[in-house]
Amino acid sequence: MALSVSSSKLSTDDKKQEAFLFPKFVVMGHRGFGMNMLQSPDEKMKSIKENSILSFNVAADFPIDFVEFDVQVTRDGCPIIFHDNFIFTQEQGVIIEKRVTEMALHEFISYGPQKDGANVNPMFRKTKDGRIFQWKVVKDDPLCTLKDAFVKVKRSQGFNIELKFDDNVVYGEEELRQTLENILNVVDEHADNRPIIFSSFHPDAARLIRKLQMTYPVFFLTNGGCEIYADVRRNSLDEAIKICKEGGLQGIVSEVKAILRTPNAVTLVKDSKLSLISYGQLNNVVEVVYLQYLMGVEGVIVDMVMEISEAIASIEARNEEDDEEDDGRKCLILLGEESKKVKISSDAIAILTKFVPKTTLFVQQ
């Protein structure tokens, strides 16, 4: 059953918002039922087309609280759901790229499978290392708009709407404002009582969406220093906290590695009266999710929706006394079916944290 967060709507009368707290540990499906990694040998990463209505509704069949997806706006002002900055296709045997925000809506939805079953314009995807793969998944689905999601996805399912912008483009305030207003027009018309939060890696977009509306919580997305950007506001949890406090935002969505390698991260965020959830591939490891649950992180964005959501739904936390060996290992997390429950002690937590890299991954130019 999806999380009821009608209390997540914020008072439009209060310019200074009090701390926002999720009523329970939340699980969010990354781009629906999980992102597509076309280069991965793991078939689970290619099972259902990401950021599609099919993906959102399949995810909603599991005990998750939100689906997370990326929203951009087409040239003619329509908010659409798509992660990448460019669509790659093939014309006369040559791979070409087209910027999503420079397309009109009719051109955008012409790529990939169509509602009539045709697939005239095939889609490809370029990985960070430059390789190009045809976008083939087991269960494909047409590209969709934000309005489609509101109309066609189960109304009890929460939406984490990521406001997507290109890291390599400088946006003026008016351009940001127009983009966000187009998105808000759809939200205002179709949201009803659906739980909604906004999130963005773009500091100015996050702060502006907060100024434009005070109904829904706004979270700042950060790599927490796992990647370095020219904009220093994106390079640490400290900067993320500063952005939130100055802009009146409600929380932070951090790369999980940044949380695990900073022992006092959760305390710093909570002391600032902010909520904290995480994203990243480590969130597909059940033990890492357990660890964050113990640390006080309030939720996780995951690709392995079935495995993680069903595990979290059956969490049982308890303290165990060991009469023979009182070594402080009292905190255990028991997860899953009785025959498959996993226990994590404080010693195991210490071991897990040692696997988190202490250095940044690469420099973003």
Protein backbone atom coordinates (compact mmCIF):
# COMPACT_ATOMS: atom_id res chain seq x y z
CA MET A 1 0.00 0.00 0.00
CA ALA A 2 1.39 3.38 -0.97
CA LEU A 3 2.32 5.89 1.69
CA SER A 4 -0.29 8.46 2.63
CA VAL A 5 1.48 11.79 2.94
CA SER A 6 -1.31 14.29 2.68
CA SER A 7 0.54 15.99 5.51
CA SER A 8 3.40 16.57 3.06
CA LYS A 9 1.45 19.46 1.62
CA LEU A 10 2.87 22.61 3.11
CA SER A 11 0.97 25.61 4.35
CA THR A 12 0.89 28.40 1.80
CA ASP A 13 0.59 30.85 4.67
CA ASP A 14 3.93 30.01 6.26
CA LYS A 15 6.99 31.33 4.47
CA LYS A 16 9.22 29.60 7.00
CA GLN A 17 8.44 25.89 6.76
CA GLU A 18 8.92 23.67 9.77
CA ALA A 19 10.88 20.44 9.50
CA PHE A 20 9.33 17.90 7.13
CA LEU A 21 9.40 14.27 8.20
CA PHE A 22 8.25 11.17 6.38
CA PRO A 23 5.91 9.18 8.64
CA LYS A 24 7.86 5.98 7.92
CA PHE A 25 10.94 4.65 6.14
CA VAL A 26 10.08 5.16 2.47
CA VAL A 27 11.07 3.23 -0.64
CA MET A 28 11.03 4.96 -4.03
CA GLY A 29 11.27 3.21 -7.39
CA HIS A 30 14.05 4.73 -9.51
CA ARG A 31 12.51 5.79 -12.82
CA GLY A 32 9.64 3.50 -11.94
CA PHE A 33 10.60 -0.16 -11.70
CA GLY A 34 14.29 0.67 -12.08
CA MET A 35 16.67 2.35 -14.49
CA ASN A 36 17.77 0.66 -17.73
CA MET A 37 21.45 -0.24 -17.99
CA LEU A 38 21.62 -1.52 -21.53
CA GLN A 39 25.29 -2.46 -21.17
CA SER A 40 24.65 -4.58 -18.09
CA PRO A 41 24.69 -8.40 -18.24
CA ASP A 42 21.99 -8.34 -15.56
CA GLU A 43 18.68 -8.85 -17.34
CA LYS A 44 16.84 -7.19 -14.44
CA MET A 45 18.29 -3.87 -15.60
CA LYS A 46 16.66 -4.35 -19.01
CA SER A 47 13.31 -5.82 -18.05
CA ILE A 48 10.94 -2.83 -18.40
CA LYS A 49 11.40 0.51 -20.16
CA GLU A 50 12.40 3.10 -17.55
CA ASN A 51 10.37 6.28 -17.04
CA SER A 52 7.32 4.74 -18.70
CA ILE A 53 3.71 4.32 -17.61
CA LEU A 54 4.22 0.56 -17.61
CA SER A 55 7.25 0.89 -15.37
CA PHE A 56 5.44 3.18 -12.92
CA ASN A 57 2.42 0.91 -12.62
CA VAL A 58 4.45 -2.27 -12.27
CA ALA A 59 6.43 -0.59 -9.49
CA ALA A 60 3.20 0.50 -7.83
CA ASP A 61 2.17 -3.15 -7.48
CA PHE A 62 4.89 -3.53 -4.86
CA PRO A 63 4.94 -1.99 -1.36
CA ILE A 64 6.68 1.25 -2.35
CA ASP A 65 5.71 4.81 -1.50
CA PHE A 66 6.88 6.85 -4.51
CA VAL A 67 8.13 6.46 -8.04
CA GLU A 68 10.94 8.82 -8.96
CA PHE A 69 11.18 10.17 -12.50
CA ASP A 70 12.87 12.90 -14.54
CA VAL A 71 10.92 15.77 -16.08
CA GLN A 72 12.07 18.07 -18.88
CA VAL A 73 10.07 20.47 -21.04
CA THR A 74 9.85 20.34 -24.84
CA ARG A 75 10.33 23.31 -27.13
CA ASP A 76 6.57 23.85 -27.26
CA GLY A 77 6.20 23.87 -23.48
CA CYS A 78 5.07 20.31 -22.68
CA PRO A 79 6.57 18.59 -19.61
CA ILE A 80 7.75 15.13 -20.62
CA ILE A 81 9.35 12.29 -18.68
CA PHE A 82 12.83 11.38 -19.91
CA HIS A 83 16.20 11.13 -18.18
CA ASP A 84 18.84 11.78 -20.83
CA ASN A 85 19.59 15.17 -22.35
CA PHE A 86 19.66 13.67 -25.84
CA ILE A 87 17.73 11.06 -27.78
CA PHE A 88 19.90 8.99 -30.10
CA THR A 89 18.40 7.47 -33.22
CA GLN A 90 19.53 6.05 -36.54
CA GLU A 91 18.94 7.67 -39.90
CA GLN A 92 20.25 6.03 -43.07
CA GLY A 93 22.59 3.88 -41.01
CA VAL A 94 24.09 6.82 -39.11
CA ILE A 95 23.60 7.42 -35.38
CA ILE A 96 22.48 10.99 -34.69
CA GLU A 97 21.58 12.83 -31.50
CA LYS A 98 18.80 15.30 -30.80
CA ARG A 99 18.44 17.42 -27.69
CA VAL A 100 15.17 16.58 -25.97
CA THR A 101 14.32 20.17 -24.98
CA GLU A 102 14.75 21.35 -28.57
CA MET A 103 12.08 18.95 -29.86
CA ALA A 104 8.38 19.65 -30.15
CA LEU A 105 6.15 17.16 -28.34
CA HIS A 106 5.02 15.38 -31.50
CA GLU A 107 8.63 14.70 -32.48
CA PHE A 108 9.62 13.50 -29.00
CA ILE A 109 6.83 10.92 -28.76
CA SER A 110 7.60 9.65 -32.27
CA TYR A 111 10.64 7.76 -30.95
CA GLY A 112 10.45 4.23 -29.64
CA PRO A 113 7.32 2.05 -29.64
CA GLN A 114 4.05 3.69 -30.61
CA LYS A 115 0.57 3.05 -29.28
CA ASP A 116 -0.35 1.36 -32.56
CA GLY A 117 2.54 -1.08 -32.16
CA ALA A 118 4.81 0.53 -34.75
CA ASN A 119 8.41 1.49 -34.04
CA VAL A 120 9.49 3.69 -36.92
CA ASN A 121 12.17 5.68 -35.10
CA PRO A 122 14.40 3.34 -33.09
CA MET A 123 16.08 4.65 -29.93
CA PHE A 124 19.68 4.25 -28.85
CA ARG A 125 21.47 5.26 -25.67
CA LYS A 126 24.98 6.57 -25.10
CA THR A 127 26.79 5.51 -21.94
CA LYS A 128 29.17 7.75 -19.98
CA ASP A 129 32.14 6.02 -21.57
CA GLY A 130 30.86 6.80 -25.07
CA ARG A 131 29.47 3.42 -26.08
CA ILE A 132 26.12 3.34 -27.88
CA PHE A 133 23.52 0.61 -27.39
CA GLN A 134 20.15 0.11 -29.01
CA TRP A 135 17.47 0.70 -26.39
CA LYS A 136 16.11 -2.84 -26.22
CA VAL A 137 14.21 -4.08 -23.18
CA VAL A 138 12.04 -7.11 -22.54
CA LYS A 139 8.89 -5.04 -22.04
CA ASP A 140 8.93 -1.79 -24.00
CA ASP A 141 6.47 1.08 -23.66
CA PRO A 142 5.92 4.44 -25.39
CA LEU A 143 7.51 7.66 -24.18
CA CYS A 144 5.16 9.69 -22.01
CA THR A 145 4.32 13.14 -20.70
CA LEU A 146 3.94 14.29 -17.12
CA LYS A 147 0.20 14.57 -17.71
CA ASP A 148 0.12 10.94 -18.85
CA ALA A 149 1.67 9.90 -15.55
CA PHE A 150 -0.91 11.78 -13.49
CA VAL A 151 -3.78 10.35 -15.52
CA LYS A 152 -2.60 6.76 -16.00
CA VAL A 153 -0.60 5.87 -12.87
CA LYS A 154 -2.44 4.64 -9.78
CA ARG A 155 -3.59 7.66 -7.82
CA SER A 156 -2.32 6.32 -4.51
CA GLN A 157 1.24 6.23 -5.85
CA GLY A 158 3.44 9.14 -4.77
CA PHE A 159 5.57 11.04 -7.30
CA ASN A 160 9.13 12.23 -6.71
CA ILE A 161 9.41 14.66 -9.62
CA GLU A 162 13.05 15.35 -10.45
CA LEU A 163 13.48 18.64 -12.28
CA LYS A 164 16.06 17.68 -14.89
CA PHE A 165 18.56 20.13 -16.35
CA ASP A 166 21.75 19.68 -18.38
CA ASP A 167 24.89 20.06 -16.24
CA ASN A 168 26.71 21.61 -19.19
CA VAL A 169 24.20 24.36 -19.91
CA VAL A 170 23.96 27.70 -18.10
CA TYR A 171 20.32 28.62 -17.50
CA GLY A 172 19.07 32.12 -16.86
CA GLU A 173 16.43 32.72 -14.21
CA GLU A 174 13.71 33.50 -16.73
CA GLU A 175 14.37 30.25 -18.64
CA LEU A 176 14.26 28.30 -15.38
CA ARG A 177 11.08 30.07 -14.34
CA GLN A 178 9.29 29.32 -17.61
CA THR A 179 10.28 25.65 -17.45
CA LEU A 180 9.14 25.28 -13.86
CA GLU A 181 5.88 27.11 -14.46
CA ASN A 182 5.06 24.73 -17.32
CA ILE A 183 5.61 21.82 -14.94
CA LEU A 184 3.61 23.40 -12.14
CA ASN A 185 0.67 24.02 -14.48
CA VAL A 186 0.36 20.27 -15.04
CA VAL A 187 0.85 19.46 -11.37
CA ASP A 188 -1.75 22.00 -10.26
CA GLU A 189 -4.31 20.67 -12.73
CA HIS A 190 -3.86 16.95 -12.10
CA ALA A 191 -2.30 16.37 -8.68
CA ASP A 192 -5.50 16.01 -6.62
CA ASN A 193 -4.36 14.43 -3.35
CA ARG A 194 -1.43 12.47 -4.78
CA PRO A 195 1.70 12.61 -2.57
CA ILE A 196 4.30 14.70 -4.41
CA ILE A 197 7.80 15.96 -3.74
CA PHE A 198 10.09 17.91 -6.06
CA SER A 199 13.83 17.34 -6.31
CA SER A 200 16.69 18.71 -8.41
CA PHE A 201 20.47 18.70 -8.73
CA HIS A 202 20.24 22.28 -10.00
CA PRO A 203 20.56 24.60 -6.97
CA ASP A 204 18.79 27.53 -8.59
CA ALA A 205 15.94 25.38 -9.91
CA ALA A 206 15.42 23.84 -6.47
CA ARG A 207 15.27 27.23 -4.81
CA LEU A 208 13.03 28.70 -7.51
CA ILE A 209 10.47 25.88 -7.41
CA ARG A 210 10.23 26.54 -3.69
CA LYS A 211 9.53 30.23 -4.35
CA LEU A 212 6.92 29.42 -6.99
CA GLN A 213 4.96 27.04 -4.76
CA MET A 214 4.76 26.15 -1.11
CA THR A 215 2.38 23.22 -1.39
CA TYR A 216 4.86 20.37 -1.90
CA PRO A 217 8.22 19.63 -0.27
CA VAL A 218 11.39 20.40 -2.26
CA PHE A 219 14.55 18.31 -1.89
CA PHE A 220 18.04 19.18 -3.11
CA LEU A 221 19.85 16.36 -4.90
CA THR A 222 23.59 16.03 -4.30
CA ASN A 223 26.44 13.67 -5.03
CA GLY A 224 27.90 14.85 -1.74
CA GLY A 225 31.39 15.13 -3.22
CA CYS A 226 31.43 11.79 -5.05
CA GLU A 227 31.73 13.84 -8.23
CA ILE A 228 33.16 17.36 -8.43
CA TYR A 229 31.44 20.16 -10.35
CA ALA A 230 32.37 23.71 -11.23
CA ASP A 231 29.43 24.87 -9.12
CA VAL A 232 30.77 24.38 -5.59
CA ARG A 233 27.23 24.27 -4.22
CA ARG A 234 26.99 20.75 -5.61
CA ASN A 235 30.17 19.35 -4.10
CA SER A 236 29.39 18.44 -0.49
CA LEU A 237 26.68 17.68 2.02
CA ASP A 238 27.66 20.86 3.87
CA GLU A 239 26.87 22.89 0.75
CA ALA A 240 23.62 20.97 0.29
CA ILE A 241 22.55 21.84 3.84
CA LYS A 242 23.40 25.47 3.19
CA ILE A 243 21.32 25.52 -0.01
CA CYS A 244 18.34 24.01 1.83
CA LYS A 245 18.52 26.38 4.79
CA GLU A 246 18.91 29.49 2.64
CA GLY A 247 16.18 28.46 0.21
CA GLY A 248 13.68 27.05 2.69
CA LEU A 249 13.88 23.54 1.21
CA GLN A 250 12.66 20.53 3.13
CA GLY A 251 15.36 17.92 2.59
CA ILE A 252 18.32 16.36 0.82
CA VAL A 253 18.58 13.40 -1.54
CA SER A 254 22.19 12.27 -1.31
CA GLU A 255 24.30 9.70 -3.09
CA VAL A 256 24.46 6.87 -0.55
CA LYS A 257 28.27 6.71 -0.65
CA ALA A 258 28.47 10.29 0.60
CA ILE A 259 26.34 9.34 3.60
CA LEU A 260 28.24 6.19 4.47
CA ARG A 261 31.68 7.77 4.27
CA THR A 262 30.59 10.69 6.50
CA PRO A 263 29.68 9.16 9.88
CA ASN A 264 27.99 12.31 11.18
CA ALA A 265 26.08 13.06 7.96
CA VAL A 266 22.70 12.04 9.29
CA THR A 267 23.18 14.05 12.48
CA LEU A 268 24.25 17.14 10.52
CA VAL A 269 21.18 16.95 8.31
CA LYS A 270 18.76 16.24 11.15
CA ASP A 271 20.21 19.03 13.29
CA SER A 272 19.41 21.36 10.40
CA LYS A 273 15.77 20.20 10.56
CA LEU A 274 15.98 18.57 7.14
CA SER A 275 14.86 15.18 5.86
CA LEU A 276 17.39 12.82 4.28
CA ILE A 277 16.89 10.13 1.67
CA SER A 278 19.46 8.50 -0.58
CA TYR A 279 20.03 7.23 -4.11
CA GLY A 280 22.76 5.22 -5.82
CA GLN A 281 23.55 1.71 -6.97
CA LEU A 282 24.53 0.63 -3.46
CA ASN A 283 20.86 0.99 -2.59
CA ASN A 284 20.26 -2.21 -4.53
CA VAL A 285 22.17 -4.09 -1.80
CA VAL A 286 19.78 -5.07 0.97
CA GLU A 287 22.44 -4.84 3.68
CA VAL A 288 23.28 -1.26 2.71
CA VAL A 289 19.62 -0.33 2.98
CA TYR A 290 19.50 -1.94 6.44
CA LEU A 291 22.49 0.10 7.46
CA GLN A 292 20.85 3.36 6.44
CA TYR A 293 17.68 2.38 8.25
CA LEU A 294 19.74 1.97 11.41
CA MET A 295 21.56 5.26 10.82
CA GLY A 296 18.34 7.24 10.60
CA VAL A 297 18.14 7.86 6.85
CA GLU A 298 14.44 8.28 6.06
CA GLY A 299 14.21 6.52 2.72
CA VAL A 300 15.94 5.07 -0.33
CA ILE A 301 15.57 5.30 -4.11
CA VAL A 302 16.17 1.86 -5.62
CA ASP A 303 16.33 0.00 -8.92
CA MET A 304 15.65 -3.46 -7.48
CA VAL A 305 12.12 -2.50 -6.53
CA MET A 306 10.77 -5.97 -5.90
CA GLU A 307 13.67 -7.20 -3.78
CA ILE A 308 14.19 -4.08 -1.67
CA SER A 309 10.53 -3.12 -1.17
CA GLU A 310 9.45 -6.58 -0.09
CA ALA A 311 12.40 -6.82 2.26
CA ILE A 312 11.77 -3.44 3.86
CA ALA A 313 8.08 -4.23 4.25
CA SER A 314 9.00 -7.10 6.54
CA ILE A 315 11.66 -5.38 8.64
CA GLU A 316 11.68 -6.40 12.24
CA ALA A 317 14.11 -4.56 14.47
CA ARG A 318 14.95 -5.91 17.86
CA ASN A 319 17.64 -5.94 20.52
CA GLU A 320 19.16 -9.21 21.56
CA GLU A 321 20.97 -9.87 24.80
CA ASP A 322 23.79 -12.38 24.67
CA ASP A 323 24.27 -13.81 28.15
CA GLU A 324 27.49 -15.54 27.24
CA GLU A 325 29.18 -12.72 25.33
CA ASP A 326 28.20 -9.14 26.14
CA ASP A 327 30.23 -7.38 23.47
CA GLY A 328 27.76 -4.67 22.56
CA ARG A 329 26.42 -6.47 19.51
CA LYS A 330 22.78 -6.02 20.44
CA CYS A 331 21.27 -4.27 17.45
CA LEU A 332 20.04 -6.68 14.81
CA ILE A 333 17.90 -6.18 11.76
CA LEU A 334 15.84 -9.15 10.66
CA LEU A 335 14.49 -8.94 7.14
CA GLY A 336 12.52 -11.10 4.76
CA GLU A 337 10.83 -14.44 5.12
CA GLU A 338 11.62 -16.37 8.26
CA SER A 339 13.83 -18.82 6.39
CA LYS A 340 15.72 -16.06 4.62
CA LYS A 341 16.09 -13.37 7.26
CA VAL A 342 19.39 -11.55 7.40
CA LYS A 343 20.94 -10.30 10.61
CA ILE A 344 23.24 -7.29 10.76
CA SER A 345 25.20 -6.57 13.92
CA SER A 346 27.10 -3.42 14.81
CA ASP A 347 30.29 -5.24 13.85
CA ALA A 348 28.87 -5.93 10.40
CA ILE A 349 27.93 -2.27 10.05
CA ALA A 350 31.52 -1.28 10.76
CA ILE A 351 32.71 -3.72 8.09
CA LEU A 352 30.22 -2.40 5.52
CA THR A 353 31.35 1.20 5.95
CA LYS A 354 34.94 0.21 5.11
CA PHE A 355 33.87 -0.60 1.56
CA VAL A 356 32.76 2.97 0.87
CA PRO A 357 35.35 4.92 -1.18
CA LYS A 358 36.97 7.81 0.66
CA THR A 359 37.95 9.68 -2.51
CA THR A 360 36.01 11.31 -5.31
CA LEU A 361 35.31 9.33 -8.46
CA PHE A 362 36.09 11.80 -11.22
CA VAL A 363 36.11 15.50 -12.03
CA GLN A 364 33.20 16.94 -14.00
CA GLN A 365 34.40 19.53 -16.47
